[in-house]
Protein backbone atom coordinates (compact mmCIF):
# COMPACT_ATOMS: atom_id res chain seq x y z
CA MET A 1 75.86 -0.76 9.04
CA GLY A 2 72.75 -1.83 10.89
CA PHE A 3 69.23 -1.99 9.57
CA LYS A 4 66.28 -0.69 11.54
CA SER A 5 63.28 -2.89 11.62
CA ILE A 6 60.15 -1.23 10.34
CA ALA A 7 57.01 -2.08 12.27
CA PRO A 8 54.09 -3.11 10.08
CA VAL A 9 51.41 -0.51 9.64
CA ARG A 10 48.14 -1.59 11.12
CA HIS A 11 45.02 -0.65 9.25
CA HIS A 12 42.00 -0.26 11.48
CA SER A 13 38.94 -1.46 9.62
CA ILE A 14 35.76 0.49 10.10
CA THR A 15 32.77 -1.69 10.75
CA PRO A 16 29.94 -0.62 8.42
CA ILE A 17 26.62 0.24 9.99
CA SER A 18 24.04 -2.45 9.36
CA PRO A 19 20.77 -1.63 7.56
CA VAL A 20 18.85 -2.33 10.77
CA ALA A 21 20.95 0.22 12.62
CA TRP A 22 20.31 2.80 9.91
CA GLN A 23 16.59 2.14 10.20
CA LEU A 24 16.71 2.60 13.98
CA ILE A 25 18.66 5.83 13.55
CA SER A 26 16.14 7.15 11.03
CA PHE A 27 13.23 6.27 13.32
CA ALA A 28 14.93 7.94 16.29
CA LEU A 29 15.61 11.06 14.21
CA PHE A 30 12.03 11.19 12.92
CA PHE A 31 10.40 10.75 16.31
CA GLY A 32 12.88 13.15 17.90
CA LEU A 33 12.02 15.86 15.39
CA TRP A 34 8.34 15.11 15.93
CA GLU A 35 8.80 15.61 19.68
CA LEU A 36 10.63 18.91 19.17
CA ALA A 37 8.05 20.17 16.67
CA GLY A 38 5.23 19.31 19.07
CA ARG A 39 6.86 21.05 22.02
CA TRP A 40 7.82 24.13 20.02
CA PRO A 41 4.88 24.14 19.14
CA ILE A 42 4.48 24.61 15.41
CA SER A 43 0.70 24.40 15.88
CA PHE A 44 -1.70 24.04 18.78
CA SER A 45 -3.25 21.01 17.08
CA PHE A 46 0.11 19.23 16.57
CA PRO A 47 0.96 17.21 19.71
CA PRO A 48 4.46 15.95 20.58
CA PHE A 49 5.33 12.33 19.93
CA SER A 50 5.35 11.44 23.64
CA LYS A 51 1.71 12.52 24.12
CA THR A 52 0.69 10.75 20.91
CA LEU A 53 2.35 7.54 22.08
CA LEU A 54 0.62 7.74 25.46
CA ALA A 55 -2.70 8.31 23.69
CA LEU A 56 -2.05 5.28 21.46
CA LEU A 57 -1.33 3.11 24.52
CA ALA A 58 -4.48 4.38 26.26
CA MET A 59 -6.66 3.63 23.23
CA THR A 60 -5.10 0.18 22.95
CA ALA A 61 -5.72 -0.51 26.64
CA ASP A 62 -9.37 0.57 26.65
CA GLY A 63 -10.14 -1.42 23.50
CA SER A 64 -11.40 1.51 21.40
CA LEU A 65 -8.65 1.08 18.80
CA ALA A 66 -9.25 -2.67 18.44
CA LYS A 67 -13.01 -2.10 18.12
CA ALA A 68 -12.43 0.46 15.39
CA TYR A 69 -10.13 -1.86 13.44
CA LEU A 70 -12.69 -4.67 13.60
CA SER A 71 -15.04 -2.37 11.70
CA THR A 72 -12.37 -1.13 9.28
CA LEU A 73 -10.53 -4.32 8.35
CA GLN A 74 -13.58 -6.28 7.19
CA PRO A 75 -14.45 -4.05 4.19
CA LEU A 76 -10.74 -3.43 3.56
CA ILE A 77 -9.91 -7.13 3.26
CA LEU A 78 -13.02 -7.84 1.17
CA GLY A 79 -12.27 -4.88 -1.09
CA ILE A 80 -8.63 -5.85 -1.62
CA ALA A 81 -9.59 -9.46 -2.35
CA LEU A 82 -12.19 -8.38 -4.93
CA SER A 83 -9.75 -5.87 -6.41
CA GLY A 84 -7.13 -8.57 -6.82
CA VAL A 85 -9.50 -10.94 -8.59
CA ILE A 86 -11.06 -8.24 -10.78
CA GLY A 87 -7.79 -6.43 -11.43
CA ILE A 88 -5.69 -9.42 -12.39
CA GLY A 89 -8.53 -10.95 -14.40
CA PHE A 90 -9.26 -7.83 -16.43
CA GLY A 91 -5.55 -7.01 -16.79
CA ILE A 92 -4.74 -10.42 -18.24
CA ALA A 93 -7.80 -10.37 -20.48
CA MET A 94 -6.93 -6.90 -21.77
CA GLY A 95 -3.35 -7.92 -22.40
CA LEU A 96 -4.34 -11.02 -24.34
CA SER A 97 -7.37 -9.74 -26.25
CA ARG A 98 -7.56 -6.57 -28.33
CA THR A 99 -11.36 -6.67 -28.12
CA VAL A 100 -11.40 -6.69 -24.31
CA GLU A 101 -8.75 -3.99 -24.32
CA TRP A 102 -10.84 -1.79 -26.62
CA PHE A 103 -13.90 -2.02 -24.35
CA SER A 104 -12.22 -1.99 -20.93
CA LEU A 105 -9.11 0.19 -21.13
CA PRO A 106 -10.92 3.57 -21.32
CA ILE A 107 -13.04 2.68 -18.28
CA PHE A 108 -10.06 1.90 -16.05
CA ILE A 109 -8.13 4.93 -17.30
CA VAL A 110 -11.07 7.15 -16.31
CA LEU A 111 -11.39 5.44 -12.91
CA GLN A 112 -7.67 5.86 -12.26
CA ALA A 113 -7.80 9.56 -13.07
CA ALA A 114 -11.17 10.38 -11.48
CA PRO A 115 -11.30 12.41 -8.23
CA MET A 116 -12.28 9.95 -5.52
CA ALA A 117 -13.74 12.66 -3.28
CA ALA A 118 -16.46 13.09 -5.89
CA ILE A 119 -17.02 9.40 -6.70
CA ILE A 120 -17.30 8.11 -3.12
CA PRO A 121 -20.34 10.28 -2.23
CA LEU A 122 -21.92 9.02 -5.46
CA ILE A 123 -21.38 5.44 -4.27
CA THR A 124 -23.08 6.37 -1.00
CA TYR A 125 -26.05 7.79 -2.87
CA MET A 126 -26.39 4.64 -4.99
CA TYR A 127 -25.75 1.95 -2.38
CA GLY A 128 -26.42 3.63 0.95
CA ILE A 129 -24.39 3.65 4.13
CA GLY A 130 -22.90 0.30 5.06
CA VAL A 131 -20.22 -2.30 4.44
CA LEU A 132 -21.06 -2.62 0.73
CA SER A 133 -20.41 1.05 0.02
CA LYS A 134 -17.05 0.90 1.82
CA VAL A 135 -16.05 -2.24 -0.06
CA LEU A 136 -16.92 -0.53 -3.34
CA ALA A 137 -14.89 2.52 -2.34
CA VAL A 138 -11.85 0.29 -1.79
CA VAL A 139 -12.40 -1.50 -5.11
CA VAL A 140 -12.80 1.76 -7.04
CA LEU A 141 -9.40 2.95 -5.80
CA ALA A 142 -7.46 -0.32 -5.81
CA ALA A 143 -8.74 -2.20 -8.88
CA PRO A 144 -7.63 0.27 -11.62
CA VAL A 145 -4.03 0.20 -10.38
CA ILE A 146 -3.96 -3.60 -10.37
CA VAL A 147 -5.62 -3.75 -13.79
CA MET A 148 -3.16 -1.35 -15.43
CA ASN A 149 -0.08 -3.05 -13.98
CA SER A 150 -1.32 -6.51 -14.98
CA TYR A 151 -2.20 -5.25 -18.46
CA LYS A 152 1.22 -3.66 -18.96
CA GLY A 153 2.96 -6.78 -17.66
CA ILE A 154 1.19 -8.93 -20.25
CA ARG A 155 1.73 -6.48 -23.10
CA ASN A 156 5.45 -6.00 -22.33
CA THR A 157 6.31 -9.63 -22.94
CA PRO A 158 9.35 -9.66 -25.31
CA PRO A 159 8.29 -10.68 -28.83
CA SER A 160 11.46 -12.77 -29.18
CA LEU A 161 10.24 -15.12 -26.43
CA LEU A 162 6.89 -15.51 -28.14
CA GLN A 163 8.54 -16.19 -31.50
CA MET A 164 10.79 -18.80 -29.87
CA CYS A 165 7.75 -20.57 -28.43
CA ARG A 166 6.02 -20.54 -31.80
CA SER A 167 9.12 -21.82 -33.57
CA PHE A 168 9.05 -24.87 -31.27
CA GLN A 169 5.40 -25.46 -32.22
CA GLY A 170 4.10 -24.24 -28.88
CA THR A 171 0.36 -23.83 -28.51
CA ARG A 172 -1.37 -20.62 -27.48
CA VAL A 173 -2.09 -22.05 -24.03
CA GLN A 174 1.58 -23.00 -23.55
CA GLU A 175 2.62 -19.57 -24.76
CA VAL A 176 0.43 -17.89 -22.14
CA LEU A 177 1.17 -20.25 -19.23
CA LYS A 178 4.90 -20.73 -19.75
CA ILE A 179 6.00 -17.35 -21.13
CA VAL A 180 3.48 -14.54 -20.84
CA LEU A 181 2.27 -15.04 -17.27
CA PRO A 182 5.68 -15.84 -15.72
CA HIS A 183 7.17 -12.78 -17.41
CA ALA A 184 4.32 -10.55 -16.21
CA ALA A 185 4.17 -12.00 -12.68
CA ALA A 186 6.53 -9.47 -11.10
CA LEU A 187 4.63 -6.49 -12.49
CA ILE A 188 1.30 -8.06 -11.50
CA PHE A 189 2.62 -8.45 -7.96
CA THR A 190 3.74 -4.82 -7.99
CA GLY A 191 0.20 -3.88 -8.99
CA LEU A 192 -1.13 -5.81 -5.99
CA ARG A 193 1.22 -3.91 -3.69
CA LEU A 194 0.16 -0.56 -5.13
CA GLY A 195 -3.48 -1.65 -4.99
CA LEU A 196 -3.11 -2.46 -1.29
CA ALA A 197 -1.77 1.04 -0.67
CA MET A 198 -4.71 2.55 -2.55
CA GLY A 199 -7.07 0.30 -0.61
CA PHE A 200 -5.92 1.79 2.70
CA ILE A 201 -6.53 5.26 1.29
CA GLY A 202 -9.95 4.20 0.04
CA ILE A 203 -11.14 2.76 3.35
CA VAL A 204 -10.10 5.85 5.32
CA ILE A 205 -11.76 8.20 2.81
CA ALA A 206 -14.88 6.03 2.84
CA GLU A 207 -15.14 6.09 6.62
CA LEU A 208 -14.58 9.84 6.70
CA LEU A 209 -17.09 10.64 3.92
CA ILE A 210 -19.59 7.77 3.93
CA THR A 211 -20.24 6.65 7.49
CA PRO A 212 -18.65 7.55 10.84
CA THR A 213 -17.41 4.08 11.76
CA GLY A 214 -14.07 2.43 12.40
CA ILE A 215 -10.83 4.35 12.10
CA GLY A 216 -12.50 7.21 10.27
CA ASP A 217 -14.92 7.66 13.15
CA LEU A 218 -12.06 7.87 15.67
CA ILE A 219 -10.23 10.45 13.55
CA SER A 220 -13.37 12.58 13.13
CA TYR A 221 -14.49 12.28 16.75
CA HIS A 222 -11.16 13.11 18.37
CA GLY A 223 -10.62 15.94 15.90
CA SER A 224 -14.02 17.44 16.71
CA THR A 225 -13.34 17.24 20.46
CA ALA A 226 -9.83 18.74 20.04
CA ASP A 227 -8.24 15.59 21.48
CA TYR A 228 -5.34 15.88 19.07
CA PRO A 229 -3.03 13.30 20.67
CA LYS A 230 -5.67 10.59 20.14
CA MET A 231 -6.45 11.87 16.66
CA PHE A 232 -2.78 11.71 15.64
CA ALA A 233 -2.42 8.34 17.39
CA THR A 234 -5.25 6.93 15.26
CA ILE A 235 -3.74 8.36 12.08
CA ALA A 236 -0.29 7.03 13.02
CA SER A 237 -1.72 3.56 13.71
CA ILE A 238 -3.33 3.23 10.26
CA ILE A 239 -0.16 4.54 8.60
CA ALA A 240 1.94 2.04 10.56
CA LEU A 241 -0.41 -0.83 9.64
CA ALA A 242 -0.31 0.15 5.96
CA ALA A 243 3.49 0.46 5.98
CA LEU A 244 3.90 -2.91 7.72
CA SER A 245 1.50 -4.62 5.29
CA LEU A 246 3.29 -3.17 2.27
CA HIS A 247 6.67 -4.13 3.71
CA GLU A 248 5.60 -7.75 4.22
CA LEU A 249 4.09 -7.89 0.74
CA GLU A 250 7.32 -6.48 -0.69
CA ARG A 251 9.34 -9.13 1.17
CA LEU A 252 7.11 -11.81 -0.30
CA GLU A 253 7.57 -10.26 -3.74
CA ARG A 254 11.38 -10.30 -3.42
CA ARG A 255 11.25 -13.91 -2.27
CA LEU A 256 9.09 -15.02 -5.19
CA PHE A 257 10.77 -12.82 -7.83
CA PRO A 258 14.37 -12.17 -6.75
């Protein structure tokens, strides 16, 4: 009685799609839907992606976009830098001192909840039209977020770690430098990332409401002249810059605090 040989069953492995490929697919889907919605059209003022891209290239070539960003980035960078210093400083002080917390916490809670469309014109009235008013607009939006995250990071330090430090006769300075700040660092960095996002919102609102300069001027001008491809190109450029900045800051955060 013979035996038939059984051929081994081959299992074909399916290669998983890489994260980069998924990102490219999502971008292609998004821009494809944008193109279809613009050609439908869902609105006369909503251009297709192809016309927006051509408008973006034209504005890049003639230098108008670069000129606008030179005016926008200066107060944005200054505002974010001041917000970081003020936010982290006040957040740490509030987390370590009940007295500072009692005086400062209500102010930053009010600033975080206040309608910016009402506060920014008030800043204009007090400080006039210029770089200072735009810097203050960025600080007013970004600083409260950084303060609250830094404050919560300090206050959420596990008591067991503090008790361990004290049991080993650690000083207050050692307790803060070796336990409190390292534990709060990740949340402080998250506050910086959120503050950067709010800073981009603040600078655009400031340039739309305070003074017609920079990116806000391009958005207003092209909107008033019904040049919607250039208007959407300007809006898309500031969104892309904000997303890229936040992505790089998040990568740095993951590298420092894996």
